[in-house]
Amino acid sequence: MEHTSHEFLKALLETPSPSGYEQPIQQVVRTYAKAFADDVRTDSHGNVFAARFPEGRPPEAPRIMLAGHCDQIGLMVQYIDSEGFLYIQPIGGWDMQILLGQHLTVWTKSGGIHGVVARRAIHLLKPEERGKVPDFTDVWVDIGAKNKQEAESLVRCGDPLTFQLGYRPLRNNLAASPAMDDKVGLWVCLEAVRLLHGRPLKASVYGVSTVSEEIGLRGATTAAYTINPTVGVAVDVCHATDTPGNDKKTQGDIKCGSGPVLYRGPNISPRVFDLLEETAKTHEIPIQVHGTPRATGTDANAIQIAREGVATGLIGIPNRYMHSPVEVVHLGDLTNAAKLLAEFCAAVGPDTNWIP
């Protein structure tokens, strides 16, 4: 991975972006994309579009939408009690057992405030409580405030929280961080647009940093309506099954480091899948294939049914420990996914047939 691209990935991962609070990360995206995109703009929903156009922008040029969502799961301050402890509710899908005992950051108007999420120590729990997964109303965030007045001078109800952010390299080209879901997909889409800089194109390519995927694919819905794409490809994380305890009979055999995953199924255009697979073979890009028998729950689902319907594909980045503070991906899968997308876009022209 090139140094500048690697620094962009780290900047994405170290910038907070709970669903509905994506403004800081979208500024990172806009600043980075200006160096290679023909046009960078933001809609009123908060989606950022970084576009590359063919020379002269002929009207017959197809439109390609590459979508990676910038939002991450988060939390929200719901109540501050008399002693200054914060009570929280989830933004997106959370595993409470992962949340307990974590370092968090409350993102206030004046900056981040460190806190910890906890409940009573195990010594003080009743026997029937020890084996029970607590509800959100049973835990609190401690920012060290003396009382409610001090806490309210720093924090407001509605302020978002995230895990303590930070990128950590691991051995064998693996890396760990909160919010790999789906900042790695966003990175792939922008990297593909960057790789197309200076290359002749026969299609308009829109790399889109979509918002609010974790609460219902909302940004992809509005962005696809705006672009009215001929073809769309979403890039999201998928479950790597190369760790203990996974059932490969139901989840497939997906490995970190074996290449991006191409999806097949009713949410996927067979034409898009075939061209992605053919492009991977032509350019000797390693891929994995995964079947999914239903709508995927990714931005691909929203893109596919936009307006009169869109030929849609889905690329997955194998991810261990999804929706945790220690999500793990292989950097080689990211670079190969970006290369595959760039070559796919370069191959698309007005005569490309998307009819199944």
Protein backbone atom coordinates (compact mmCIF):
# COMPACT_ATOMS: atom_id res chain seq x y z
CA MET A 1 0.00 0.00 0.00
CA GLU A 2 1.40 3.40 -1.01
CA HIS A 3 2.39 5.69 1.85
CA THR A 4 -0.10 8.47 1.04
CA SER A 5 -2.94 5.97 0.64
CA HIS A 6 -1.95 4.28 3.89
CA GLU A 7 -2.00 7.62 5.71
CA PHE A 8 -5.47 8.29 4.30
CA LEU A 9 -6.68 4.93 5.63
CA LYS A 10 -5.33 5.73 9.09
CA ALA A 11 -6.92 9.20 8.98
CA LEU A 12 -10.29 7.63 8.20
CA LEU A 13 -10.00 5.14 11.02
CA GLU A 14 -8.90 7.75 13.55
CA THR A 15 -11.74 10.19 12.73
CA PRO A 16 -15.11 9.70 14.46
CA SER A 17 -18.22 9.08 12.32
CA PRO A 18 -21.21 7.57 14.12
CA SER A 19 -24.29 7.44 11.91
CA GLY A 20 -25.72 10.94 11.64
CA TYR A 21 -22.46 12.51 12.86
CA GLU A 22 -20.27 11.96 9.80
CA GLN A 23 -19.23 15.59 9.21
CA PRO A 24 -15.61 15.23 10.50
CA ILE A 25 -14.79 12.22 8.34
CA GLN A 26 -16.43 13.70 5.26
CA GLN A 27 -14.10 16.67 5.56
CA VAL A 28 -11.18 14.22 5.51
CA VAL A 29 -12.65 12.62 2.37
CA ARG A 30 -13.19 15.93 0.57
CA THR A 31 -9.69 17.18 1.31
CA TYR A 32 -8.08 13.95 0.08
CA ALA A 33 -10.20 13.53 -3.05
CA LYS A 34 -9.56 17.04 -4.39
CA ALA A 35 -6.08 15.97 -5.48
CA PHE A 36 -7.33 13.47 -8.09
CA ALA A 37 -11.08 13.84 -8.68
CA ASP A 38 -12.57 15.98 -11.45
CA ASP A 39 -15.38 17.03 -9.14
CA VAL A 40 -15.97 16.74 -5.38
CA ARG A 41 -19.28 17.71 -3.86
CA THR A 42 -21.53 17.01 -0.89
CA ASP A 43 -25.32 16.69 -0.92
CA SER A 44 -27.71 17.91 1.77
CA HIS A 45 -27.86 14.42 3.26
CA GLY A 46 -24.10 14.42 3.83
CA ASN A 47 -22.96 11.99 1.11
CA VAL A 48 -19.68 13.00 -0.56
CA PHE A 49 -19.22 12.36 -4.32
CA ALA A 50 -15.73 12.20 -5.86
CA ALA A 51 -16.10 11.86 -9.63
CA ARG A 52 -13.92 11.11 -12.66
CA PHE A 53 -15.38 11.86 -16.09
CA PRO A 54 -14.51 10.78 -19.64
CA GLU A 55 -13.17 13.50 -21.91
CA GLY A 56 -16.00 15.75 -23.04
CA ARG A 57 -18.49 13.97 -20.78
CA PRO A 58 -20.47 12.47 -23.70
CA PRO A 59 -24.16 11.99 -22.85
CA GLU A 60 -24.05 8.30 -23.78
CA ALA A 61 -21.34 7.56 -21.20
CA PRO A 62 -22.63 5.14 -18.54
CA ARG A 63 -22.54 6.19 -14.89
CA ILE A 64 -20.80 3.94 -12.35
CA MET A 65 -21.50 4.35 -8.63
CA LEU A 66 -18.89 2.99 -6.19
CA ALA A 67 -20.29 3.10 -2.67
CA GLY A 68 -18.52 2.68 0.67
CA HIS A 69 -20.21 3.91 3.83
CA CYS A 70 -18.28 6.21 6.14
CA ASP A 71 -20.48 5.82 9.21
CA GLN A 72 -19.62 3.54 12.10
CA ILE A 73 -21.65 2.12 14.94
CA GLY A 74 -21.79 4.51 17.87
CA LEU A 75 -23.57 5.46 21.05
CA MET A 76 -25.53 8.51 22.17
CA VAL A 77 -25.81 10.30 25.49
CA GLN A 78 -29.42 9.87 26.58
CA TYR A 79 -29.41 10.92 30.25
CA ILE A 80 -27.06 12.44 32.84
CA ASP A 81 -27.78 11.52 36.46
CA SER A 82 -27.28 13.62 39.60
CA GLU A 83 -23.78 12.24 40.16
CA GLY A 84 -22.58 13.05 36.65
CA PHE A 85 -22.73 9.56 35.14
CA LEU A 86 -23.86 9.29 31.52
CA TYR A 87 -26.45 6.79 30.33
CA ILE A 88 -26.29 5.82 26.70
CA GLN A 89 -28.27 4.21 23.87
CA PRO A 90 -26.87 2.48 20.75
CA ILE A 91 -26.52 3.85 17.23
CA GLY A 92 -26.43 0.73 15.07
CA GLY A 93 -25.99 -2.89 16.12
CA TRP A 94 -24.09 -3.54 19.36
CA ASP A 95 -23.00 -6.58 21.34
CA MET A 96 -23.24 -5.50 24.98
CA GLN A 97 -20.69 -8.10 26.03
CA ILE A 98 -18.14 -6.38 23.76
CA LEU A 99 -19.01 -2.94 25.15
CA LEU A 100 -18.45 -3.67 28.85
CA GLY A 101 -15.18 -2.35 30.24
CA GLN A 102 -14.21 -0.35 27.14
CA HIS A 103 -12.54 3.03 26.83
CA LEU A 104 -14.88 5.41 25.00
CA THR A 105 -14.75 8.95 23.65
CA VAL A 106 -17.64 11.39 23.97
CA TRP A 107 -17.53 13.68 20.94
CA THR A 108 -18.71 17.09 22.13
CA LYS A 109 -18.87 20.42 20.34
CA SER A 110 -15.55 21.39 21.92
CA GLY A 111 -13.78 18.08 21.26
CA GLY A 112 -13.38 14.55 22.56
CA ILE A 113 -13.77 13.64 26.24
CA HIS A 114 -12.40 10.35 27.51
CA GLY A 115 -14.70 8.03 29.43
CA VAL A 116 -15.10 4.40 30.45
CA VAL A 117 -18.21 2.24 30.30
CA ALA A 118 -18.80 0.01 33.30
CA ARG A 119 -21.17 -1.56 35.76
CA ARG A 120 -20.71 -2.72 39.36
CA ALA A 121 -17.65 -4.90 39.98
CA ILE A 122 -18.21 -8.65 39.84
CA HIS A 123 -17.69 -8.85 43.63
CA LEU A 124 -20.79 -6.70 44.13
CA LEU A 125 -23.10 -8.48 41.70
CA LYS A 126 -25.77 -10.86 42.93
CA PRO A 127 -25.30 -14.47 41.73
CA GLU A 128 -28.25 -14.18 39.31
CA GLU A 129 -26.75 -10.99 37.83
CA ARG A 130 -23.34 -12.49 37.06
CA GLY A 131 -24.58 -14.70 34.25
CA LYS A 132 -26.91 -12.12 32.73
CA VAL A 133 -26.03 -9.84 29.84
CA PRO A 134 -26.93 -6.34 31.07
CA ASP A 135 -29.21 -3.93 29.27
CA PHE A 136 -28.04 -0.46 28.23
CA THR A 137 -29.91 0.94 31.23
CA ASP A 138 -27.72 -1.20 33.53
CA VAL A 139 -24.40 0.39 32.50
CA TRP A 140 -23.05 3.91 32.50
CA VAL A 141 -20.18 6.03 31.20
CA ASP A 142 -17.85 7.60 33.74
CA ILE A 143 -16.05 10.74 32.54
CA GLY A 144 -14.81 11.62 36.04
CA ALA A 145 -17.35 14.40 36.60
CA LYS A 146 -18.06 15.39 40.23
CA ASN A 147 -21.78 15.88 39.67
CA LYS A 148 -24.49 16.56 37.10
CA GLN A 149 -23.64 20.26 36.87
CA GLU A 150 -20.03 19.54 35.88
CA ALA A 151 -21.03 16.81 33.44
CA GLU A 152 -23.62 19.05 31.78
CA SER A 153 -21.03 21.81 31.38
CA LEU A 154 -19.09 19.41 29.15
CA VAL A 155 -21.61 17.03 27.59
CA ARG A 156 -25.09 17.42 26.09
CA CYS A 157 -27.78 14.84 25.53
CA GLY A 158 -27.46 13.74 21.92
CA ASP A 159 -23.66 13.86 21.89
CA PRO A 160 -22.26 10.74 20.16
CA LEU A 161 -19.68 8.31 21.54
CA THR A 162 -17.35 5.81 19.91
CA PHE A 163 -14.83 3.25 21.03
CA GLN A 164 -11.46 4.87 21.64
CA LEU A 165 -10.20 5.13 18.07
CA GLY A 166 -6.78 4.00 16.88
CA TYR A 167 -5.07 2.05 14.10
CA ARG A 168 -2.74 -0.78 15.13
CA PRO A 169 -0.64 -2.84 12.69
CA LEU A 170 -0.41 -6.58 13.30
CA ARG A 171 1.90 -9.21 11.87
CA ASN A 172 1.68 -10.47 8.27
CA ASN A 173 0.14 -7.30 6.79
CA LEU A 174 -2.92 -7.42 9.06
CA ALA A 175 -4.22 -4.39 10.92
CA ALA A 176 -6.71 -3.84 13.75
CA SER A 177 -8.97 -0.88 14.49
CA PRO A 178 -12.51 0.02 15.40
CA ALA A 179 -14.69 0.91 12.40
CA MET A 180 -12.95 -1.12 9.73
CA ASP A 181 -16.67 -1.54 8.96
CA ASP A 182 -16.83 0.21 6.60
CA LYS A 183 -14.03 2.73 6.39
CA VAL A 184 -12.02 0.14 4.49
CA GLY A 185 -14.80 -0.03 1.89
CA LEU A 186 -14.81 3.75 1.63
CA TRP A 187 -11.01 3.66 1.23
CA VAL A 188 -11.30 1.10 -1.59
CA CYS A 189 -13.78 3.27 -3.52
CA LEU A 190 -11.66 6.41 -3.21
CA GLU A 191 -8.48 4.51 -4.02
CA ALA A 192 -10.11 3.15 -7.18
CA VAL A 193 -10.99 6.70 -8.26
CA ARG A 194 -7.41 7.77 -7.48
CA LEU A 195 -6.01 4.91 -9.59
CA LEU A 196 -8.13 6.13 -12.51
CA HIS A 197 -6.60 9.61 -12.39
CA GLY A 198 -5.06 10.40 -15.78
CA ARG A 199 -6.47 7.26 -17.46
CA PRO A 200 -8.86 7.52 -20.41
CA LEU A 201 -12.39 6.52 -19.44
CA LYS A 202 -15.56 5.63 -21.35
CA ALA A 203 -17.79 5.95 -18.28
CA SER A 204 -18.33 8.50 -15.53
CA VAL A 205 -17.16 7.10 -12.20
CA TYR A 206 -18.57 8.33 -8.89
CA GLY A 207 -16.81 7.25 -5.71
CA VAL A 208 -19.36 7.90 -2.98
CA SER A 209 -18.76 8.12 0.75
CA THR A 210 -22.28 7.26 1.89
CA VAL A 211 -23.80 8.13 5.26
CA SER A 212 -26.11 6.34 7.70
CA GLU A 213 -25.71 2.80 6.36
CA GLU A 214 -25.71 1.36 9.87
CA ILE A 215 -29.23 2.67 10.53
CA GLY A 216 -30.89 1.57 7.31
CA LEU A 217 -28.84 2.17 4.11
CA ARG A 218 -30.10 5.72 4.07
CA GLY A 219 -27.22 7.53 2.36
CA ALA A 220 -26.93 5.02 -0.47
CA THR A 221 -30.65 5.42 -1.13
CA THR A 222 -30.42 9.17 -1.67
CA ALA A 223 -27.03 9.05 -3.43
CA ALA A 224 -28.23 6.46 -5.96
CA TYR A 225 -31.28 8.60 -6.71
CA THR A 226 -28.98 11.56 -7.39
CA ILE A 227 -26.51 9.73 -9.64
CA ASN A 228 -29.09 7.52 -11.37
CA PRO A 229 -26.30 5.01 -12.05
CA THR A 230 -26.17 2.57 -14.92
CA VAL A 231 -24.20 0.21 -12.72
CA GLY A 232 -23.30 0.25 -9.04
CA VAL A 233 -20.82 -1.59 -6.88
CA ALA A 234 -20.92 -1.44 -3.10
CA VAL A 235 -17.82 -2.26 -1.08
CA ASP A 236 -18.38 -3.40 2.49
CA VAL A 237 -16.79 -5.73 4.99
CA CYS A 238 -17.81 -9.37 5.20
CA HIS A 239 -17.23 -12.01 7.86
CA ALA A 240 -13.85 -13.72 7.66
CA THR A 241 -14.30 -17.32 8.78
CA ASP A 242 -10.62 -18.09 9.33
CA THR A 243 -10.90 -17.85 13.13
CA PRO A 244 -12.03 -20.51 15.63
CA GLY A 245 -15.69 -21.42 16.00
CA ASN A 246 -17.09 -20.37 12.62
CA ASP A 247 -19.47 -22.63 10.71
CA LYS A 248 -18.16 -22.61 7.16
CA LYS A 249 -21.12 -24.72 6.02
CA THR A 250 -23.37 -21.69 6.54
CA GLN A 251 -20.93 -18.76 6.38
CA GLY A 252 -18.57 -19.91 3.63
CA ASP A 253 -14.79 -20.26 3.62
CA ILE A 254 -13.51 -16.67 3.67
CA LYS A 255 -9.90 -15.88 4.59
CA CYS A 256 -8.11 -12.62 5.34
CA GLY A 257 -5.35 -12.16 2.79
CA SER A 258 -6.87 -14.35 0.05
CA GLY A 259 -8.35 -11.45 -1.86
CA PRO A 260 -11.56 -9.43 -1.94
CA VAL A 261 -14.84 -11.35 -1.99
CA LEU A 262 -17.21 -11.22 -4.97
CA TYR A 263 -20.81 -11.88 -4.03
CA ARG A 264 -23.33 -13.92 -6.02
CA GLY A 265 -27.07 -14.07 -5.39
CA PRO A 266 -30.40 -12.28 -5.92
CA ASN A 267 -28.98 -8.92 -4.75
CA ILE A 268 -26.30 -9.16 -7.47
CA SER A 269 -26.46 -8.60 -11.22
CA PRO A 270 -24.95 -11.65 -12.97
CA ARG A 271 -23.53 -9.28 -15.59
CA VAL A 272 -21.70 -7.25 -12.96
CA PHE A 273 -20.40 -10.37 -11.24
CA ASP A 274 -19.17 -11.83 -14.53
CA LEU A 275 -17.32 -8.65 -15.51
CA LEU A 276 -15.73 -8.34 -12.07
CA GLU A 277 -14.62 -11.98 -12.19
CA GLU A 278 -13.33 -11.65 -15.76
CA THR A 279 -11.43 -8.47 -14.80
CA ALA A 280 -9.84 -10.23 -11.84
CA LYS A 281 -8.66 -13.09 -14.06
CA THR A 282 -7.33 -10.75 -16.77
CA HIS A 283 -5.28 -8.74 -14.28
CA GLU A 284 -4.34 -11.70 -12.05
CA ILE A 285 -6.06 -10.25 -8.99
CA PRO A 286 -6.86 -12.87 -6.32
CA ILE A 287 -10.54 -13.09 -5.40
CA GLN A 288 -12.87 -15.21 -3.30
CA VAL A 289 -16.49 -15.96 -4.19
CA HIS A 290 -19.37 -16.05 -1.72
CA GLY A 291 -23.00 -16.91 -2.30
CA THR A 292 -25.74 -15.07 -0.44
CA PRO A 293 -29.35 -16.18 -0.98
CA ARG A 294 -31.05 -12.93 0.04
CA ALA A 295 -30.70 -9.15 0.02
CA THR A 296 -27.36 -8.43 1.64
CA GLY A 297 -28.11 -5.64 4.11
CA THR A 298 -25.41 -3.50 2.48
CA ASP A 299 -25.55 -0.41 0.27
CA ALA A 300 -25.90 -2.83 -2.67
CA ASN A 301 -29.44 -3.52 -1.53
CA ALA A 302 -30.43 0.15 -1.78
CA ILE A 303 -28.58 0.76 -5.06
CA GLN A 304 -30.16 -2.22 -6.80
CA ILE A 305 -33.71 -0.90 -6.38
CA ALA A 306 -33.03 2.79 -7.04
CA ARG A 307 -35.33 4.41 -9.60
CA GLU A 308 -35.98 1.86 -12.39
CA GLY A 309 -33.36 -0.58 -11.04
CA VAL A 310 -29.57 -0.71 -11.25
CA ALA A 311 -27.18 -3.48 -12.30
CA THR A 312 -25.44 -3.96 -8.96
CA GLY A 313 -22.43 -5.80 -7.59
CA LEU A 314 -20.94 -6.24 -4.13
CA ILE A 315 -17.33 -6.62 -3.06
CA GLY A 316 -16.56 -7.76 0.47
CA ILE A 317 -13.40 -7.12 2.48
CA PRO A 318 -12.82 -10.06 4.85
CA ASN A 319 -13.10 -8.77 8.41
CA ARG A 320 -12.56 -10.54 11.71
CA TYR A 321 -14.53 -9.53 14.85
CA MET A 322 -17.02 -7.19 13.14
CA HIS A 323 -18.68 -4.47 15.28
CA SER A 324 -15.99 -4.67 17.92
CA PRO A 325 -13.06 -2.41 18.88
CA VAL A 326 -10.61 -4.94 17.40
CA GLU A 327 -11.81 -5.46 13.83
CA VAL A 328 -9.02 -7.02 11.75
CA VAL A 329 -8.42 -6.86 7.99
CA HIS A 330 -5.56 -7.69 5.62
CA LEU A 331 -4.16 -4.64 3.82
CA GLY A 332 -3.51 -6.69 0.68
CA ASP A 333 -7.24 -7.35 0.34
CA LEU A 334 -7.84 -3.59 0.29
CA THR A 335 -5.27 -2.84 -2.41
CA ASN A 336 -6.45 -5.75 -4.56
CA ALA A 337 -10.08 -4.62 -4.23
CA ALA A 338 -9.16 -1.09 -5.31
CA LYS A 339 -7.18 -2.35 -8.29
CA LEU A 340 -10.06 -4.62 -9.30
CA LEU A 341 -12.58 -1.78 -9.11
CA ALA A 342 -10.37 0.58 -11.09
CA GLU A 343 -9.85 -1.96 -13.90
CA PHE A 344 -13.56 -2.80 -13.87
CA CYS A 345 -14.45 0.87 -14.32
CA ALA A 346 -11.89 1.29 -17.09
CA ALA A 347 -13.47 -1.62 -18.98
CA VAL A 348 -17.03 -0.25 -18.91
CA GLY A 349 -18.30 1.66 -21.91
CA PRO A 350 -21.53 2.59 -23.69
CA ASP A 351 -21.73 -0.82 -25.34
CA THR A 352 -21.41 -2.83 -22.12
CA ASN A 353 -24.53 -4.99 -21.78
CA TRP A 354 -26.15 -5.08 -18.33
CA ILE A 355 -29.33 -6.91 -19.31
CA PRO A 356 -29.36 -10.36 -17.63
